[in-house]
C-alpha atoms as a PDB file:
ATOM      1  CA  UNK A   1     -23.519  -0.755  10.268  1.00  0.00           C
ATOM      2  CA  UNK A   2     -19.897  -1.681  10.369  1.00  0.00           C
ATOM      3  CA  UNK A   3     -18.426  -4.966   8.315  1.00  0.00           C
ATOM      4  CA  UNK A   4     -17.719  -8.041  10.075  1.00  0.00           C
ATOM      5  CA  UNK A   5     -15.682  -9.540   8.079  1.00  0.00           C
ATOM      6  CA  UNK A   6     -13.098  -9.353  10.238  1.00  0.00           C
ATOM      7  CA  UNK A   7     -13.061  -9.580  14.080  1.00  0.00           C
ATOM      8  CA  UNK A   8     -10.314  -7.422  13.998  1.00  0.00           C
ATOM      9  CA  UNK A   9     -10.172  -3.092  14.311  1.00  0.00           C
ATOM     10  CA  UNK A  10     -13.841  -3.227  13.225  1.00  0.00           C
ATOM     11  CA  UNK A  11     -14.346   0.654  12.005  1.00  0.00           C
ATOM     12  CA  UNK A  12     -18.316   1.603  12.103  1.00  0.00           C
ATOM     13  CA  UNK A  13     -19.415   3.937   9.550  1.00  0.00           C
ATOM     14  CA  UNK A  14     -20.124   6.410  12.681  1.00  0.00           C
ATOM     15  CA  UNK A  15     -16.334   6.733  12.260  1.00  0.00           C
ATOM     16  CA  UNK A  16     -16.333   7.679   8.298  1.00  0.00           C
ATOM     17  CA  UNK A  17     -18.995  10.411   8.283  1.00  0.00           C
ATOM     18  CA  UNK A  18     -18.736  11.119   4.896  1.00  0.00           C
ATOM     19  CA  UNK A  19     -19.998   7.850   4.179  1.00  0.00           C
ATOM     20  CA  UNK A  20     -23.426   7.580   2.507  1.00  0.00           C
ATOM     21  CA  UNK A  21     -24.418   4.325   4.308  1.00  0.00           C
ATOM     22  CA  UNK A  22     -26.404   3.910   1.603  1.00  0.00           C
ATOM     23  CA  UNK A  23     -24.767   3.508  -0.854  1.00  0.00           C
ATOM     24  CA  UNK A  24     -21.111   2.155   0.724  1.00  0.00           C
ATOM     25  CA  UNK A  25     -20.953  -1.815   0.363  1.00  0.00           C
ATOM     26  CA  UNK A  26     -19.164  -4.700   2.297  1.00  0.00           C
ATOM     27  CA  UNK A  27     -16.675  -6.912  -0.501  1.00  0.00           C
ATOM     28  CA  UNK A  28     -19.197  -9.188  -1.939  1.00  0.00           C
ATOM     29  CA  UNK A  29     -16.042 -11.667  -1.264  1.00  0.00           C
ATOM     30  CA  UNK A  30     -17.981 -15.227  -2.838  1.00  0.00           C
ATOM     31  CA  UNK A  31     -17.811 -13.246  -5.917  1.00  0.00           C
ATOM     32  CA  UNK A  32     -14.177 -12.606  -5.736  1.00  0.00           C
ATOM     33  CA  UNK A  33     -12.509 -16.049  -4.530  1.00  0.00           C
ATOM     34  CA  UNK A  34     -12.322 -19.686  -4.794  1.00  0.00           C
ATOM     35  CA  UNK A  35     -13.583 -22.434  -2.472  1.00  0.00           C
ATOM     36  CA  UNK A  36      -9.957 -23.248  -1.270  1.00  0.00           C
ATOM     37  CA  UNK A  37      -8.742 -19.929  -1.658  1.00  0.00           C
ATOM     38  CA  UNK A  38      -7.915 -18.054   2.110  1.00  0.00           C
ATOM     39  CA  UNK A  39     -10.522 -16.003   4.189  1.00  0.00           C
ATOM     40  CA  UNK A  40      -8.431 -14.487   6.650  1.00  0.00           C
ATOM     41  CA  UNK A  41      -8.633 -10.586   6.568  1.00  0.00           C
ATOM     42  CA  UNK A  42      -6.516  -9.421   3.890  1.00  0.00           C
ATOM     43  CA  UNK A  43      -3.446  -8.054   5.080  1.00  0.00           C
ATOM     44  CA  UNK A  44      -2.934  -4.400   3.971  1.00  0.00           C
ATOM     45  CA  UNK A  45       0.989  -2.535   5.092  1.00  0.00           C
ATOM     46  CA  UNK A  46       0.175   1.803   4.603  1.00  0.00           C
ATOM     47  CA  UNK A  47       3.571   3.728   3.731  1.00  0.00           C
ATOM     48  CA  UNK A  48       3.442   7.370   3.417  1.00  0.00           C
ATOM     49  CA  UNK A  49       6.161   9.804   2.676  1.00  0.00           C
ATOM     50  CA  UNK A  50       6.278  12.502   5.360  1.00  0.00           C
ATOM     51  CA  UNK A  51       7.837  13.703   8.808  1.00  0.00           C
ATOM     52  CA  UNK A  52       6.232  16.787   9.026  1.00  0.00           C
ATOM     53  CA  UNK A  53       4.226  17.167  11.910  1.00  0.00           C
ATOM     54  CA  UNK A  54       1.145  17.399  10.759  1.00  0.00           C
ATOM     55  CA  UNK A  55       1.639  15.562   7.203  1.00  0.00           C
ATOM     56  CA  UNK A  56      -1.140  15.270   5.117  1.00  0.00           C
ATOM     57  CA  UNK A  57       0.211  12.065   3.557  1.00  0.00           C
ATOM     58  CA  UNK A  58       0.074  10.771   6.723  1.00  0.00           C
ATOM     59  CA  UNK A  59      -3.477  12.270   7.225  1.00  0.00           C
ATOM     60  CA  UNK A  60      -4.667  10.661   3.771  1.00  0.00           C
ATOM     61  CA  UNK A  61      -3.485   7.532   4.634  1.00  0.00           C
ATOM     62  CA  UNK A  62      -5.207   7.232   8.040  1.00  0.00           C
ATOM     63  CA  UNK A  63      -8.144   8.489   6.488  1.00  0.00           C
ATOM     64  CA  UNK A  64      -7.742   4.982   3.668  1.00  0.00           C
ATOM     65  CA  UNK A  65      -6.426   2.705   7.081  1.00  0.00           C
ATOM     66  CA  UNK A  66     -10.141   3.703   8.253  1.00  0.00           C
ATOM     67  CA  UNK A  67     -11.996   2.133   5.119  1.00  0.00           C
ATOM     68  CA  UNK A  68      -9.585  -0.537   4.829  1.00  0.00           C
ATOM     69  CA  UNK A  69     -10.712  -1.541   8.028  1.00  0.00           C
ATOM     70  CA  UNK A  70     -14.234  -0.935   7.516  1.00  0.00           C
ATOM     71  CA  UNK A  71     -13.567  -3.164   4.686  1.00  0.00           C
ATOM     72  CA  UNK A  72     -12.427  -5.826   6.512  1.00  0.00           C
ATOM     73  CA  UNK A  73      -8.602  -5.884   6.539  1.00  0.00           C
ATOM     74  CA  UNK A  74      -5.578  -5.817   8.984  1.00  0.00           C
ATOM     75  CA  UNK A  75      -4.142  -2.922   8.569  1.00  0.00           C
ATOM     76  CA  UNK A  76      -0.420  -1.688   9.727  1.00  0.00           C
ATOM     77  CA  UNK A  77       1.439   1.407   8.931  1.00  0.00           C
ATOM     78  CA  UNK A  78       4.883   1.803   9.195  1.00  0.00           C
ATOM     79  CA  UNK A  79       6.569   4.647  10.509  1.00  0.00           C
ATOM     80  CA  UNK A  80       9.142   6.083   8.552  1.00  0.00           C
ATOM     81  CA  UNK A  81      10.654   8.189  11.841  1.00  0.00           C
ATOM     82  CA  UNK A  82      14.104   7.251  12.517  1.00  0.00           C
ATOM     83  CA  UNK A  83      14.326   4.931   9.140  1.00  0.00           C
ATOM     84  CA  UNK A  84      18.389   5.440   7.893  1.00  0.00           C
ATOM     85  CA  UNK A  85      18.907   6.356   3.958  1.00  0.00           C
ATOM     86  CA  UNK A  86      19.936   2.947   2.369  1.00  0.00           C
ATOM     87  CA  UNK A  87      23.061   1.721   2.310  1.00  0.00           C
ATOM     88  CA  UNK A  88      23.946   4.023   5.290  1.00  0.00           C
ATOM     89  CA  UNK A  89      23.558   1.039   8.080  1.00  0.00           C
ATOM     90  CA  UNK A  90      23.877  -2.633   7.712  1.00  0.00           C
ATOM     91  CA  UNK A  91      19.883  -4.174   6.795  1.00  0.00           C
ATOM     92  CA  UNK A  92      19.701  -5.804  10.790  1.00  0.00           C
ATOM     93  CA  UNK A  93      19.040  -1.923  12.036  1.00  0.00           C
ATOM     94  CA  UNK A  94      15.827  -2.130  13.700  1.00  0.00           C
ATOM     95  CA  UNK A  95      13.489   0.250  12.066  1.00  0.00           C
ATOM     96  CA  UNK A  96      14.839  -1.540   8.498  1.00  0.00           C
ATOM     97  CA  UNK A  97      14.120  -4.798   9.582  1.00  0.00           C
ATOM     98  CA  UNK A  98      10.617  -3.781  10.843  1.00  0.00           C
ATOM     99  CA  UNK A  99       9.826  -2.265   7.692  1.00  0.00           C
ATOM    100  CA  UNK A 100      11.124  -5.407   5.989  1.00  0.00           C
ATOM    101  CA  UNK A 101       9.070  -7.888   8.115  1.00  0.00           C
ATOM    102  CA  UNK A 102       5.953  -5.782   7.808  1.00  0.00           C
ATOM    103  CA  UNK A 103       7.018  -5.716   3.945  1.00  0.00           C
ATOM    104  CA  UNK A 104       6.786  -9.932   4.712  1.00  0.00           C
ATOM    105  CA  UNK A 105       3.374 -10.447   6.476  1.00  0.00           C
ATOM    106  CA  UNK A 106       1.512  -8.468   4.180  1.00  0.00           C
ATOM    107  CA  UNK A 107      -0.639  -9.305   0.881  1.00  0.00           C
ATOM    108  CA  UNK A 108      -1.132  -5.899  -0.373  1.00  0.00           C
ATOM    109  CA  UNK A 109       0.046  -2.323   0.083  1.00  0.00           C
ATOM    110  CA  UNK A 110      -0.905   1.444  -0.049  1.00  0.00           C
ATOM    111  CA  UNK A 111       1.654   3.825  -0.613  1.00  0.00           C
ATOM    112  CA  UNK A 112       1.388   7.378  -0.220  1.00  0.00           C
ATOM    113  CA  UNK A 113       3.674  10.443  -0.529  1.00  0.00           C
ATOM    114  CA  UNK A 114       3.529  14.100  -1.290  1.00  0.00           C
ATOM    115  CA  UNK A 115       4.666  15.162  -4.483  1.00  0.00           C
ATOM    116  CA  UNK A 116       8.063  17.810  -3.728  1.00  0.00           C
ATOM    117  CA  UNK A 117       9.825  19.840  -6.688  1.00  0.00           C
ATOM    118  CA  UNK A 118       7.715  17.438  -9.240  1.00  0.00           C
ATOM    119  CA  UNK A 119       8.483  13.889  -7.889  1.00  0.00           C
ATOM    120  CA  UNK A 120       7.775  11.484  -4.893  1.00  0.00           C
ATOM    121  CA  UNK A 121       9.763  12.418  -1.723  1.00  0.00           C
ATOM    122  CA  UNK A 122      13.548  10.657  -0.175  1.00  0.00           C
ATOM    123  CA  UNK A 123      11.076   9.672   2.874  1.00  0.00           C
ATOM    124  CA  UNK A 124       9.086   7.657   0.135  1.00  0.00           C
ATOM    125  CA  UNK A 125      11.797   6.379  -1.590  1.00  0.00           C
ATOM    126  CA  UNK A 126      14.000   5.306   1.256  1.00  0.00           C
ATOM    127  CA  UNK A 127      11.666   2.879   1.956  1.00  0.00           C
ATOM    128  CA  UNK A 128      10.569   1.116  -0.901  1.00  0.00           C
ATOM    129  CA  UNK A 129      14.432   1.032  -1.465  1.00  0.00           C
ATOM    130  CA  UNK A 130      15.087  -0.377   1.687  1.00  0.00           C
ATOM    131  CA  UNK A 131      12.266  -3.305   0.502  1.00  0.00           C
ATOM    132  CA  UNK A 132      14.822  -5.632  -1.364  1.00  0.00           C
ATOM    133  CA  UNK A 133      13.758  -7.254  -4.594  1.00  0.00           C
ATOM    134  CA  UNK A 134      14.815 -10.981  -3.275  1.00  0.00           C
ATOM    135  CA  UNK A 135      15.539 -12.585   0.426  1.00  0.00           C
ATOM    136  CA  UNK A 136      17.376 -15.466   0.055  1.00  0.00           C
ATOM    137  CA  UNK A 137      15.599 -16.265  -3.566  1.00  0.00           C
ATOM    138  CA  UNK A 138      12.125 -15.544  -1.980  1.00  0.00           C
ATOM    139  CA  UNK A 139      10.661 -12.109  -3.320  1.00  0.00           C
ATOM    140  CA  UNK A 140       8.983 -10.150  -1.026  1.00  0.00           C
ATOM    141  CA  UNK A 141       6.877  -8.120  -2.934  1.00  0.00           C
ATOM    142  CA  UNK A 142       6.298 -10.229  -5.870  1.00  0.00           C
ATOM    143  CA  UNK A 143       2.404 -10.705  -6.451  1.00  0.00           C
ATOM    144  CA  UNK A 144       1.220  -8.640  -4.093  1.00  0.00           C
ATOM    145  CA  UNK A 145      -1.626  -6.048  -4.786  1.00  0.00           C
ATOM    146  CA  UNK A 146      -0.560  -2.556  -4.839  1.00  0.00           C
ATOM    147  CA  UNK A 147      -2.327   1.169  -4.371  1.00  0.00           C
ATOM    148  CA  UNK A 148      -0.841   4.367  -5.162  1.00  0.00           C
ATOM    149  CA  UNK A 149      -1.526   8.124  -3.933  1.00  0.00           C
ATOM    150  CA  UNK A 150      -0.324  11.495  -3.662  1.00  0.00           C
ATOM    151  CA  UNK A 151      -0.996  14.984  -2.076  1.00  0.00           C
ATOM    152  CA  UNK A 152       0.089  18.060  -3.333  1.00  0.00           C
ATOM    153  CA  UNK A 153       0.612  21.577  -1.793  1.00  0.00           C
ATOM    154  CA  UNK A 154      -0.328  23.311  -5.561  1.00  0.00           C
ATOM    155  CA  UNK A 155      -2.470  21.976  -8.240  1.00  0.00           C
ATOM    156  CA  UNK A 156      -3.821  19.016  -9.293  1.00  0.00           C
ATOM    157  CA  UNK A 157      -0.142  16.350 -10.858  1.00  0.00           C
ATOM    158  CA  UNK A 158      -0.053  12.892 -11.082  1.00  0.00           C
ATOM    159  CA  UNK A 159       4.137  12.840 -11.182  1.00  0.00           C
ATOM    160  CA  UNK A 160       4.531  11.217  -8.112  1.00  0.00           C
ATOM    161  CA  UNK A 161       1.389   8.530  -8.287  1.00  0.00           C
ATOM    162  CA  UNK A 162       3.123   7.630 -11.957  1.00  0.00           C
ATOM    163  CA  UNK A 163       6.312   7.110 -10.290  1.00  0.00           C
ATOM    164  CA  UNK A 164       5.128   5.082  -7.795  1.00  0.00           C
ATOM    165  CA  UNK A 165       3.660   3.307 -10.175  1.00  0.00           C
ATOM    166  CA  UNK A 166       6.946   2.252 -12.078  1.00  0.00           C
ATOM    167  CA  UNK A 167       8.656   1.147  -8.638  1.00  0.00           C
ATOM    168  CA  UNK A 168       5.016  -1.128  -7.993  1.00  0.00           C
ATOM    169  CA  UNK A 169       6.461  -2.854 -11.513  1.00  0.00           C
ATOM    170  CA  UNK A 170      10.142  -2.885 -10.394  1.00  0.00           C
ATOM    171  CA  UNK A 171       8.750  -5.300  -7.027  1.00  0.00           C
ATOM    172  CA  UNK A 172       6.420  -7.359  -9.301  1.00  0.00           C
ATOM    173  CA  UNK A 173       3.524  -5.963  -7.385  1.00  0.00           C
ATOM    174  CA  UNK A 174      -0.472  -5.876  -8.768  1.00  0.00           C
ATOM    175  CA  UNK A 175      -0.702  -2.193  -9.488  1.00  0.00           C
ATOM    176  CA  UNK A 176      -4.824  -1.537  -9.160  1.00  0.00           C
ATOM    177  CA  UNK A 177      -5.868   0.788 -12.263  1.00  0.00           C
ATOM    178  CA  UNK A 178      -7.486   3.479  -9.719  1.00  0.00           C
ATOM    179  CA  UNK A 179      -5.374   5.919  -7.978  1.00  0.00           C
ATOM    180  CA  UNK A 180      -5.680   9.070  -5.921  1.00  0.00           C
ATOM    181  CA  UNK A 181      -4.287  12.814  -6.481  1.00  0.00           C
ATOM    182  CA  UNK A 182      -4.930  15.204  -3.648  1.00  0.00           C
ATOM    183  CA  UNK A 183      -4.260  18.606  -4.909  1.00  0.00           C
ATOM    184  CA  UNK A 184      -3.948  21.871  -2.341  1.00  0.00           C
ATOM    185  CA  UNK A 185      -4.103  18.961   0.493  1.00  0.00           C
ATOM    186  CA  UNK A 186      -4.383  22.233   3.173  1.00  0.00           C
ATOM    187  CA  UNK A 187      -7.754  22.988   1.570  1.00  0.00           C
ATOM    188  CA  UNK A 188      -9.116  19.003   1.892  1.00  0.00           C
ATOM    189  CA  UNK A 189      -8.775  18.188   5.870  1.00  0.00           C
ATOM    190  CA  UNK A 190     -10.408  19.837   8.637  1.00  0.00           C
ATOM    191  CA  UNK A 191      -8.856  21.290  11.746  1.00  0.00           C
ATOM    192  CA  UNK A 192      -9.839  17.610  13.303  1.00  0.00           C
ATOM    193  CA  UNK A 193      -7.470  16.414  10.466  1.00  0.00           C
ATOM    194  CA  UNK A 194     -10.029  14.080   8.806  1.00  0.00           C
ATOM    195  CA  UNK A 195     -10.554  14.374   4.721  1.00  0.00           C
ATOM    196  CA  UNK A 196     -13.575  17.248   3.962  1.00  0.00           C
ATOM    197  CA  UNK A 197     -16.521  15.402   1.629  1.00  0.00           C
ATOM    198  CA  UNK A 198     -15.141  15.971  -1.813  1.00  0.00           C
ATOM    199  CA  UNK A 199     -14.928  14.274  -5.328  1.00  0.00           C
ATOM    200  CA  UNK A 200     -11.749  13.630  -4.293  1.00  0.00           C
ATOM    201  CA  UNK A 201     -12.492  12.252  -1.217  1.00  0.00           C
ATOM    202  CA  UNK A 202     -15.143  10.176  -2.814  1.00  0.00           C
ATOM    203  CA  UNK A 203     -11.856   8.947  -5.600  1.00  0.00           C
ATOM    204  CA  UNK A 204      -9.998   7.883  -2.218  1.00  0.00           C
ATOM    205  CA  UNK A 205     -12.971   5.776  -1.382  1.00  0.00           C
ATOM    206  CA  UNK A 206     -13.069   4.005  -4.136  1.00  0.00           C
ATOM    207  CA  UNK A 207      -9.169   3.456  -4.538  1.00  0.00           C
ATOM    208  CA  UNK A 208      -9.506   1.794  -0.867  1.00  0.00           C
ATOM    209  CA  UNK A 209     -12.394  -0.717  -2.208  1.00  0.00           C
ATOM    210  CA  UNK A 210     -10.602  -1.186  -4.898  1.00  0.00           C
ATOM    211  CA  UNK A 211      -7.415  -2.812  -3.279  1.00  0.00           C
ATOM    212  CA  UNK A 212      -9.532  -4.432  -1.051  1.00  0.00           C
ATOM    213  CA  UNK A 213     -11.244  -6.321  -4.635  1.00  0.00           C
ATOM    214  CA  UNK A 214      -8.034  -7.061  -6.248  1.00  0.00           C
ATOM    215  CA  UNK A 215      -6.701  -8.308  -2.833  1.00  0.00           C
ATOM    216  CA  UNK A 216      -9.344 -10.643  -2.525  1.00  0.00           C
ATOM    217  CA  UNK A 217      -8.946 -11.714  -5.762  1.00  0.00           C
ATOM    218  CA  UNK A 218      -5.212 -12.161  -6.636  1.00  0.00           C
ATOM    219  CA  UNK A 219      -4.034 -13.438  -3.465  1.00  0.00           C
ATOM    220  CA  UNK A 220      -5.229 -17.062  -3.480  1.00  0.00           C
ATOM    221  CA  UNK A 221      -4.005 -17.394  -6.599  1.00  0.00           C
ATOM    222  CA  UNK A 222      -0.461 -15.061  -6.584  1.00  0.00           C
ATOM    223  CA  UNK A 223       1.607 -18.148  -6.492  1.00  0.00           C
ATOM    224  CA  UNK A 224       0.462 -19.348 -10.058  1.00  0.00           C
ATOM    225  CA  UNK A 225       0.096 -15.925 -11.781  1.00  0.00           C
ATOM    226  CA  UNK A 226       3.837 -14.959 -10.666  1.00  0.00           C
ATOM    227  CA  UNK A 227       5.238 -18.203 -11.663  1.00  0.00           C
ATOM    228  CA  UNK A 228       7.754 -17.683 -14.544  1.00  0.00           C
ATOM    229  CA  UNK A 229       8.978 -20.332 -16.859  1.00  0.00           C
ATOM    230  CA  UNK A 230      12.251 -18.224 -16.675  1.00  0.00           C
ATOM    231  CA  UNK A 231      12.595 -18.925 -12.867  1.00  0.00           C
ATOM    232  CA  UNK A 232      11.709 -22.322 -13.078  1.00  0.00           C
ATOM    233  CA  UNK A 233      14.806 -23.425 -14.826  1.00  0.00           C
ATOM    234  CA  UNK A 234      16.601 -21.730 -11.465  1.00  0.00           C
ATOM    235  CA  UNK A 235      17.012 -22.972  -8.115  1.00  0.00           C
ATOM    236  CA  UNK A 236      16.434 -20.882  -5.325  1.00  0.00           C
ATOM    237  CA  UNK A 237      20.260 -20.477  -4.431  1.00  0.00           C
ATOM    238  CA  UNK A 238      20.746 -19.553  -8.835  1.00  0.00           C
ATOM    239  CA  UNK A 239      17.797 -16.935  -8.536  1.00  0.00           C
ATOM    240  CA  UNK A 240      19.611 -15.616  -5.466  1.00  0.00           C
ATOM    241  CA  UNK A 241      23.009 -15.417  -6.959  1.00  0.00           C
ATOM    242  CA  UNK A 242      21.348 -13.784 -10.240  1.00  0.00           C
ATOM    243  CA  UNK A 243      19.237 -11.144  -8.343  1.00  0.00           C
ATOM    244  CA  UNK A 244      22.111  -9.743  -5.932  1.00  0.00           C
ATOM    245  CA  UNK A 245      25.261 -10.595  -8.129  1.00  0.00           C
ATOM    246  CA  UNK A 246      27.344  -7.548  -6.739  1.00  0.00           C
ATOM    247  CA  UNK A 247      28.388  -6.461 -10.558  1.00  0.00           C
ATOM    248  CA  UNK A 248      26.808  -7.354 -13.886  1.00  0.00           C
END
């Protein structure tokens, strides 16, 4: 059985060997959207925070991407290899442009970071820092959905997902309630680089399902949800000048 919501990279349940076919359910779109809401596949951007050859944050993001595709999403993943540190180069750098174009294209995001020294990695933070709060008066992340996940080499921690939530709020994103934290990640992925079936895997499925539901639910009305009085009294030019001011 496959979810045929979108004629995209359709994922069959044979690609998801840990899934119980009797209990996974396609998204009931009609319960979440209005008559005039858009019906194209939700566009999800996935970011992960490691450059290691065998990166567990990347493996977790790939596992999640398969699930998101099964749920009918169009998924794109940004490869952070070659992305300069923020402000080290101009914003016209090809990797920066690629990231920003993907951010504008997306309607929801999934951020997956390792925890290093009790916090997200600099690789994860650099990607988020290159996504501006405003581009010419347009906020490229405002009103979009966000799910957060972390992987750890040791015991379970929630430092990184908590930090990612703060960033999501700062980027004016709708961060879903559920989240995933995978401790001792090296024990959770097998030699085929797939995540083993466990309560941690079930939580990852929950996060993906919830992200898709919230994206369908809010996407068609995000413009109204983020419509603010303070910004209605400003022109786009005034807004751009304020959020891009060089000094306080």
